Amino acid sequence: MKTLVRLLLTIVLAVVVLTGFRWYRYVSNTDSPYDEIGITFNSNMPGPINNWGCAKLKTTFSSSLPPYGCAASDATQWK
């Protein structure tokens, strides 16, 4: 039983680390703010983390339309 719990914790930790790395790579990229996986991760992050990611994307891509999760109510302005 102890081995099973350790294995499950290791798998959960690996998923969290890989997801976090993929999200950070998306918000700190310089290619495009329209990566589908990155948009999904960022829009599902908790409020403060999403806001930080959107602010980081906005500094890099301020002249582009904001991706889903970073748009204001009119979908043409950044939050």
PDB file of N, CA and C in Angstrom:
ATOM      1  N   MET A   1       0.834  -1.199   0.000  1.00  0.00           N
ATOM      2  CA  MET A   1       0.000   0.000   0.000  1.00  0.00           C
ATOM      3  C   MET A   1       0.872   1.253   0.000  1.00  0.00           C
ATOM      4  N   LYS A   2       1.948   1.222   0.750  1.00  0.00           N
ATOM      5  CA  LYS A   2       2.840   2.368   0.826  1.00  0.00           C
ATOM      6  C   LYS A   2       3.474   2.654  -0.541  1.00  0.00           C
ATOM      7  N   THR A   3       3.805   1.603  -1.260  1.00  0.00           N
ATOM      8  CA  THR A   3       4.401   1.750  -2.581  1.00  0.00           C
ATOM      9  C   THR A   3       3.408   2.353  -3.568  1.00  0.00           C
ATOM     10  N   LEU A   4       2.163   1.963  -3.484  1.00  0.00           N
ATOM     11  CA  LEU A   4       1.133   2.503  -4.360  1.00  0.00           C
ATOM     12  C   LEU A   4       0.934   3.998  -4.119  1.00  0.00           C
ATOM     13  N   VAL A   5       0.896   4.409  -2.875  1.00  0.00           N
ATOM     14  CA  VAL A   5       0.735   5.826  -2.542  1.00  0.00           C
ATOM     15  C   VAL A   5       1.933   6.616  -3.053  1.00  0.00           C
ATOM     16  N   ARG A   6       3.117   6.086  -2.881  1.00  0.00           N
ATOM     17  CA  ARG A   6       4.327   6.762  -3.351  1.00  0.00           C
ATOM     18  C   ARG A   6       4.308   6.891  -4.877  1.00  0.00           C
ATOM     19  N   LEU A   7       3.891   5.847  -5.560  1.00  0.00           N
ATOM     20  CA  LEU A   7       3.801   5.879  -7.014  1.00  0.00           C
ATOM     21  C   LEU A   7       2.787   6.919  -7.481  1.00  0.00           C
ATOM     22  N   LEU A   8       1.623   6.959  -6.850  1.00  0.00           N
ATOM     23  CA  LEU A   8       0.593   7.942  -7.217  1.00  0.00           C
ATOM     24  C   LEU A   8       1.069   9.369  -6.964  1.00  0.00           C
ATOM     25  N   LEU A   9       1.737   9.593  -5.846  1.00  0.00           N
ATOM     26  CA  LEU A   9       2.266  10.930  -5.558  1.00  0.00           C
ATOM     27  C   LEU A   9       3.328  11.330  -6.573  1.00  0.00           C
ATOM     28  N   THR A  10       4.145  10.397  -6.977  1.00  0.00           N
ATOM     29  CA  THR A  10       5.166  10.679  -7.982  1.00  0.00           C
ATOM     30  C   THR A  10       4.531  11.039  -9.316  1.00  0.00           C
ATOM     31  N   ILE A  11       3.501  10.313  -9.701  1.00  0.00           N
ATOM     32  CA  ILE A  11       2.807  10.602 -10.961  1.00  0.00           C
ATOM     33  C   ILE A  11       2.137  11.967 -10.906  1.00  0.00           C
ATOM     34  N   VAL A  12       1.474  12.281  -9.805  1.00  0.00           N
ATOM     35  CA  VAL A  12       0.811  13.585  -9.662  1.00  0.00           C
ATOM     36  C   VAL A  12       1.840  14.712  -9.702  1.00  0.00           C
ATOM     37  N   LEU A  13       2.951  14.545  -9.011  1.00  0.00           N
ATOM     38  CA  LEU A  13       4.000  15.562  -9.017  1.00  0.00           C
ATOM     39  C   LEU A  13       4.563  15.749 -10.421  1.00  0.00           C
ATOM     40  N   ALA A  14       4.775  14.672 -11.144  1.00  0.00           N
ATOM     41  CA  ALA A  14       5.290  14.762 -12.505  1.00  0.00           C
ATOM     42  C   ALA A  14       4.322  15.510 -13.419  1.00  0.00           C
ATOM     43  N   VAL A  15       3.036  15.230 -13.286  1.00  0.00           N
ATOM     44  CA  VAL A  15       2.028  15.914 -14.102  1.00  0.00           C
ATOM     45  C   VAL A  15       2.004  17.415 -13.776  1.00  0.00           C
ATOM     46  N   VAL A  16       2.069  17.761 -12.504  1.00  0.00           N
ATOM     47  CA  VAL A  16       2.061  19.174 -12.102  1.00  0.00           C
ATOM     48  C   VAL A  16       3.300  19.891 -12.635  1.00  0.00           C
ATOM     49  N   VAL A  17       4.454  19.277 -12.514  1.00  0.00           N
ATOM     50  CA  VAL A  17       5.694  19.899 -12.992  1.00  0.00           C
ATOM     51  C   VAL A  17       5.669  20.065 -14.510  1.00  0.00           C
ATOM     52  N   LEU A  18       5.274  19.045 -15.231  1.00  0.00           N
ATOM     53  CA  LEU A  18       5.238  19.137 -16.693  1.00  0.00           C
ATOM     54  C   LEU A  18       4.205  20.156 -17.180  1.00  0.00           C
ATOM     55  N   THR A  19       3.046  20.183 -16.538  1.00  0.00           N
ATOM     56  CA  THR A  19       2.026  21.171 -16.904  1.00  0.00           C
ATOM     57  C   THR A  19       2.509  22.584 -16.603  1.00  0.00           C
ATOM     58  N   GLY A  20       3.104  22.776 -15.440  1.00  0.00           N
ATOM     59  CA  GLY A  20       3.629  24.091 -15.072  1.00  0.00           C
ATOM     60  C   GLY A  20       4.726  24.552 -16.016  1.00  0.00           C
ATOM     61  N   PHE A  21       5.609  23.640 -16.393  1.00  0.00           N
ATOM     62  CA  PHE A  21       6.673  23.988 -17.329  1.00  0.00           C
ATOM     63  C   PHE A  21       6.099  24.374 -18.681  1.00  0.00           C
ATOM     64  N   ARG A  22       5.126  23.611 -19.156  1.00  0.00           N
ATOM     65  CA  ARG A  22       4.512  23.896 -20.458  1.00  0.00           C
ATOM     66  C   ARG A  22       3.786  25.237 -20.429  1.00  0.00           C
ATOM     67  N   TRP A  23       3.118  25.529 -19.318  1.00  0.00           N
ATOM     68  CA  TRP A  23       2.419  26.814 -19.192  1.00  0.00           C
ATOM     69  C   TRP A  23       3.426  27.962 -19.166  1.00  0.00           C
ATOM     70  N   TYR A  24       4.495  27.811 -18.394  1.00  0.00           N
ATOM     71  CA  TYR A  24       5.491  28.883 -18.311  1.00  0.00           C
ATOM     72  C   TYR A  24       6.170  29.099 -19.661  1.00  0.00           C
ATOM     73  N   ARG A  25       6.437  28.029 -20.369  1.00  0.00           N
ATOM     74  CA  ARG A  25       7.040  28.155 -21.694  1.00  0.00           C
ATOM     75  C   ARG A  25       6.107  28.915 -22.636  1.00  0.00           C
ATOM     76  N   TYR A  26       4.800  28.730 -22.480  1.00  0.00           N
ATOM     77  CA  TYR A  26       3.826  29.457 -23.307  1.00  0.00           C
ATOM     78  C   TYR A  26       3.820  30.945 -22.979  1.00  0.00           C
ATOM     79  N   VAL A  27       3.733  31.299 -21.700  1.00  0.00           N
ATOM     80  CA  VAL A  27       3.616  32.723 -21.362  1.00  0.00           C
ATOM     81  C   VAL A  27       4.922  33.479 -21.555  1.00  0.00           C
ATOM     82  N   SER A  28       6.037  32.798 -21.606  1.00  0.00           N
ATOM     83  CA  SER A  28       7.305  33.491 -21.808  1.00  0.00           C
ATOM     84  C   SER A  28       7.830  33.338 -23.234  1.00  0.00           C
ATOM     85  N   ASN A  29       6.996  32.863 -24.162  1.00  0.00           N
ATOM     86  CA  ASN A  29       7.448  32.661 -25.545  1.00  0.00           C
ATOM     87  C   ASN A  29       7.521  33.984 -26.296  1.00  0.00           C
ATOM     88  N   THR A  30       8.139  33.957 -27.447  1.00  0.00           N
ATOM     89  CA  THR A  30       8.223  35.155 -28.279  1.00  0.00           C
ATOM     90  C   THR A  30       7.738  34.891 -29.699  1.00  0.00           C
ATOM     91  N   ASP A  31       7.120  33.724 -29.922  1.00  0.00           N
ATOM     92  CA  ASP A  31       6.673  33.373 -31.269  1.00  0.00           C
ATOM     93  C   ASP A  31       5.237  33.795 -31.549  1.00  0.00           C
ATOM     94  N   SER A  32       4.307  33.313 -30.726  1.00  0.00           N
ATOM     95  CA  SER A  32       2.894  33.572 -30.979  1.00  0.00           C
ATOM     96  C   SER A  32       2.092  33.369 -29.696  1.00  0.00           C
ATOM     97  N   PRO A  33       1.102  34.231 -29.449  1.00  0.00           N
ATOM     98  CA  PRO A  33       0.253  34.038 -28.268  1.00  0.00           C
ATOM     99  C   PRO A  33      -0.905  33.080 -28.539  1.00  0.00           C
ATOM    100  N   TYR A  34      -0.945  32.460 -29.709  1.00  0.00           N
ATOM    101  CA  TYR A  34      -2.102  31.662 -30.104  1.00  0.00           C
ATOM    102  C   TYR A  34      -1.840  30.155 -30.111  1.00  0.00           C
ATOM    103  N   ASP A  35      -0.971  29.679 -29.250  1.00  0.00           N
ATOM    104  CA  ASP A  35      -0.723  28.243 -29.103  1.00  0.00           C
ATOM    105  C   ASP A  35      -1.907  27.633 -28.352  1.00  0.00           C
ATOM    106  N   GLU A  36      -2.585  26.663 -28.965  1.00  0.00           N
ATOM    107  CA  GLU A  36      -3.827  26.124 -28.399  1.00  0.00           C
ATOM    108  C   GLU A  36      -3.643  25.495 -27.027  1.00  0.00           C
ATOM    109  N   ILE A  37      -2.584  24.735 -26.850  1.00  0.00           N
ATOM    110  CA  ILE A  37      -2.356  24.089 -25.551  1.00  0.00           C
ATOM    111  C   ILE A  37      -2.026  25.134 -24.495  1.00  0.00           C
ATOM    112  N   GLY A  38      -1.204  26.104 -24.841  1.00  0.00           N
ATOM    113  CA  GLY A  38      -0.866  27.174 -23.905  1.00  0.00           C
ATOM    114  C   GLY A  38      -2.079  28.002 -23.507  1.00  0.00           C
ATOM    115  N   ILE A  39      -2.934  28.297 -24.462  1.00  0.00           N
ATOM    116  CA  ILE A  39      -4.152  29.049 -24.178  1.00  0.00           C
ATOM    117  C   ILE A  39      -5.037  28.268 -23.215  1.00  0.00           C
ATOM    118  N   THR A  40      -5.162  26.973 -23.444  1.00  0.00           N
ATOM    119  CA  THR A  40      -5.977  26.132 -22.562  1.00  0.00           C
ATOM    120  C   THR A  40      -5.419  26.120 -21.146  1.00  0.00           C
ATOM    121  N   PHE A  41      -4.115  25.911 -21.022  1.00  0.00           N
ATOM    122  CA  PHE A  41      -3.497  25.908 -19.692  1.00  0.00           C
ATOM    123  C   PHE A  41      -3.675  27.256 -19.013  1.00  0.00           C
ATOM    124  N   ASN A  42      -3.395  28.354 -19.722  1.00  0.00           N
ATOM    125  CA  ASN A  42      -3.466  29.675 -19.100  1.00  0.00           C
ATOM    126  C   ASN A  42      -4.895  30.039 -18.708  1.00  0.00           C
ATOM    127  N   SER A  43      -5.859  29.730 -19.548  1.00  0.00           N
ATOM    128  CA  SER A  43      -7.239  30.098 -19.225  1.00  0.00           C
ATOM    129  C   SER A  43      -7.800  29.267 -18.071  1.00  0.00           C
ATOM    130  N   ASN A  44      -7.211  28.105 -17.793  1.00  0.00           N
ATOM    131  CA  ASN A  44      -7.668  27.279 -16.677  1.00  0.00           C
ATOM    132  C   ASN A  44      -6.873  27.477 -15.397  1.00  0.00           C
ATOM    133  N   MET A  45      -5.879  28.349 -15.417  1.00  0.00           N
ATOM    134  CA  MET A  45      -5.103  28.624 -14.209  1.00  0.00           C
ATOM    135  C   MET A  45      -5.933  29.478 -13.243  1.00  0.00           C
ATOM    136  N   PRO A  46      -5.621  29.397 -11.946  1.00  0.00           N
ATOM    137  CA  PRO A  46      -6.314  30.263 -10.980  1.00  0.00           C
ATOM    138  C   PRO A  46      -6.092  31.739 -11.319  1.00  0.00           C
ATOM    139  N   GLY A  47      -6.989  32.589 -10.849  1.00  0.00           N
ATOM    140  CA  GLY A  47      -6.992  34.014 -11.180  1.00  0.00           C
ATOM    141  C   GLY A  47      -5.656  34.735 -11.149  1.00  0.00           C
ATOM    142  N   PRO A  48      -4.940  34.735 -10.030  1.00  0.00           N
ATOM    143  CA  PRO A  48      -3.671  35.478  -9.986  1.00  0.00           C
ATOM    144  C   PRO A  48      -2.623  34.936 -10.958  1.00  0.00           C
ATOM    145  N   ILE A  49      -2.577  33.627 -11.141  1.00  0.00           N
ATOM    146  CA  ILE A  49      -1.605  33.045 -12.065  1.00  0.00           C
ATOM    147  C   ILE A  49      -1.989  33.377 -13.501  1.00  0.00           C
ATOM    148  N   ASN A  50      -3.285  33.313 -13.808  1.00  0.00           N
ATOM    149  CA  ASN A  50      -3.762  33.676 -15.136  1.00  0.00           C
ATOM    150  C   ASN A  50      -3.468  35.140 -15.420  1.00  0.00           C
ATOM    151  N   ASN A  51      -3.709  36.012 -14.454  1.00  0.00           N
ATOM    152  CA  ASN A  51      -3.454  37.446 -14.650  1.00  0.00           C
ATOM    153  C   ASN A  51      -1.977  37.715 -14.898  1.00  0.00           C
ATOM    154  N   TRP A  52      -1.104  37.013 -14.161  1.00  0.00           N
ATOM    155  CA  TRP A  52       0.333  37.183 -14.366  1.00  0.00           C
ATOM    156  C   TRP A  52       0.728  36.717 -15.759  1.00  0.00           C
ATOM    157  N   GLY A  53       0.201  35.571 -16.175  1.00  0.00           N
ATOM    158  CA  GLY A  53       0.494  35.054 -17.509  1.00  0.00           C
ATOM    159  C   GLY A  53       0.000  35.990 -18.596  1.00  0.00           C
ATOM    160  N   CYS A  54      -1.190  36.536 -18.409  1.00  0.00           N
ATOM    161  CA  CYS A  54      -1.735  37.477 -19.397  1.00  0.00           C
ATOM    162  C   CYS A  54      -0.905  38.757 -19.460  1.00  0.00           C
ATOM    163  N   ALA A  55      -0.455  39.240 -18.308  1.00  0.00           N
ATOM    164  CA  ALA A  55       0.381  40.443 -18.294  1.00  0.00           C
ATOM    165  C   ALA A  55       1.707  40.186 -19.006  1.00  0.00           C
ATOM    166  N   LYS A  56       2.265  39.011 -18.815  1.00  0.00           N
ATOM    167  CA  LYS A  56       3.525  38.651 -19.482  1.00  0.00           C
ATOM    168  C   LYS A  56       3.308  38.548 -20.998  1.00  0.00           C
ATOM    169  N   LEU A  57       2.203  37.948 -21.405  1.00  0.00           N
ATOM    170  CA  LEU A  57       1.890  37.874 -22.834  1.00  0.00           C
ATOM    171  C   LEU A  57       1.628  39.260 -23.414  1.00  0.00           C
ATOM    172  N   LYS A  58       0.958  40.106 -22.651  1.00  0.00           N
ATOM    173  CA  LYS A  58       0.628  41.446 -23.141  1.00  0.00           C
ATOM    174  C   LYS A  58       1.890  42.270 -23.381  1.00  0.00           C
ATOM    175  N   THR A  59       2.902  42.138 -22.523  1.00  0.00           N
ATOM    176  CA  THR A  59       4.131  42.898 -22.739  1.00  0.00           C
ATOM    177  C   THR A  59       4.841  42.464 -24.018  1.00  0.00           C
ATOM    178  N   THR A  60       4.701  41.205 -24.379  1.00  0.00           N
ATOM    179  CA  THR A  60       5.355  40.703 -25.589  1.00  0.00           C
ATOM    180  C   THR A  60       4.514  40.933 -26.839  1.00  0.00           C
ATOM    181  N   PHE A  61       3.206  40.781 -26.726  1.00  0.00           N
ATOM    182  CA  PHE A  61       2.325  40.824 -27.894  1.00  0.00           C
ATOM    183  C   PHE A  61       1.248  41.898 -27.767  1.00  0.00           C
ATOM    184  N   SER A  62       1.595  43.073 -27.312  1.00  0.00           N
ATOM    185  CA  SER A  62       0.584  44.109 -27.057  1.00  0.00           C
ATOM    186  C   SER A  62      -0.132  44.571 -28.324  1.00  0.00           C
ATOM    187  N   SER A  63       0.478  44.428 -29.480  1.00  0.00           N
ATOM    188  CA  SER A  63      -0.175  44.881 -30.711  1.00  0.00           C
ATOM    189  C   SER A  63      -1.080  43.808 -31.329  1.00  0.00           C
ATOM    190  N   SER A  64      -1.079  42.606 -30.766  1.00  0.00           N
ATOM    191  CA  SER A  64      -1.922  41.514 -31.278  1.00  0.00           C
ATOM    192  C   SER A  64      -3.231  41.437 -30.507  1.00  0.00           C
ATOM    193  N   LEU A  65      -4.203  40.758 -31.091  1.00  0.00           N
ATOM    194  CA  LEU A  65      -5.434  40.487 -30.356  1.00  0.00           C
ATOM    195  C   LEU A  65      -5.128  39.518 -29.223  1.00  0.00           C
ATOM    196  N   PRO A  66      -5.749  39.688 -28.078  1.00  0.00           N
ATOM    197  CA  PRO A  66      -5.462  38.803 -26.948  1.00  0.00           C
ATOM    198  C   PRO A  66      -6.041  37.407 -27.163  1.00  0.00           C
ATOM    199  N   PRO A  67      -5.351  36.393 -26.667  1.00  0.00           N
ATOM    200  CA  PRO A  67      -5.897  35.033 -26.754  1.00  0.00           C
ATOM    201  C   PRO A  67      -7.016  34.839 -25.746  1.00  0.00           C
ATOM    202  N   TYR A  68      -7.765  33.756 -25.918  1.00  0.00           N
ATOM    203  CA  TYR A  68      -8.838  33.419 -24.987  1.00  0.00           C
ATOM    204  C   TYR A  68      -8.267  33.329 -23.577  1.00  0.00           C
ATOM    205  N   GLY A  69      -8.958  33.909 -22.624  1.00  0.00           N
ATOM    206  CA  GLY A  69      -8.505  33.903 -21.237  1.00  0.00           C
ATOM    207  C   GLY A  69      -7.799  35.178 -20.858  1.00  0.00           C
ATOM    208  N   CYS A  70      -7.361  35.940 -21.849  1.00  0.00           N
ATOM    209  CA  CYS A  70      -6.672  37.208 -21.580  1.00  0.00           C
ATOM    210  C   CYS A  70      -7.427  38.404 -22.167  1.00  0.00           C
ATOM    211  N   ALA A  71      -8.575  38.147 -22.743  1.00  0.00           N
ATOM    212  CA  ALA A  71      -9.335  39.213 -23.393  1.00  0.00           C
ATOM    213  C   ALA A  71     -10.355  39.808 -22.420  1.00  0.00           C
ATOM    214  N   ALA A  72     -10.596  41.096 -22.585  1.00  0.00           N
ATOM    215  CA  ALA A  72     -11.650  41.780 -21.836  1.00  0.00           C
ATOM    216  C   ALA A  72     -13.001  41.346 -22.428  1.00  0.00           C
ATOM    217  N   SER A  73     -14.063  41.916 -21.938  1.00  0.00           N
ATOM    218  CA  SER A  73     -15.409  41.481 -22.353  1.00  0.00           C
ATOM    219  C   SER A  73     -15.683  41.695 -23.846  1.00  0.00           C
ATOM    220  N   ASP A  74     -15.021  42.661 -24.480  1.00  0.00           N
ATOM    221  CA  ASP A  74     -15.253  42.876 -25.902  1.00  0.00           C
ATOM    222  C   ASP A  74     -14.369  42.010 -26.801  1.00  0.00           C
ATOM    223  N   ALA A  75     -13.475  41.225 -26.226  1.00  0.00           N
ATOM    224  CA  ALA A  75     -12.604  40.260 -26.917  1.00  0.00           C
ATOM    225  C   ALA A  75     -11.584  40.908 -27.845  1.00  0.00           C
ATOM    226  N   THR A  76     -11.468  42.239 -27.809  1.00  0.00           N
ATOM    227  CA  THR A  76     -10.447  42.889 -28.630  1.00  0.00           C
ATOM    228  C   THR A  76      -9.412  43.619 -27.776  1.00  0.00           C
ATOM    229  N   GLN A  77      -9.663  43.747 -26.500  1.00  0.00           N
ATOM    230  CA  GLN A  77      -8.749  44.444 -25.590  1.00  0.00           C
ATOM    231  C   GLN A  77      -8.168  43.447 -24.587  1.00  0.00           C
ATOM    232  N   TRP A  78      -6.937  43.690 -24.171  1.00  0.00           N
ATOM    233  CA  TRP A  78      -6.321  42.868 -23.129  1.00  0.00           C
ATOM    234  C   TRP A  78      -6.941  43.210 -21.783  1.00  0.00           C
ATOM    235  N   LYS A  79      -6.967  42.234 -20.870  1.00  0.00           N
ATOM    236  CA  LYS A  79      -7.477  42.475 -19.510  1.00  0.00           C
ATOM    237  C   LYS A  79      -6.614  43.476 -18.818  1.00  0.00           C
TER     238      LYS A  79
END
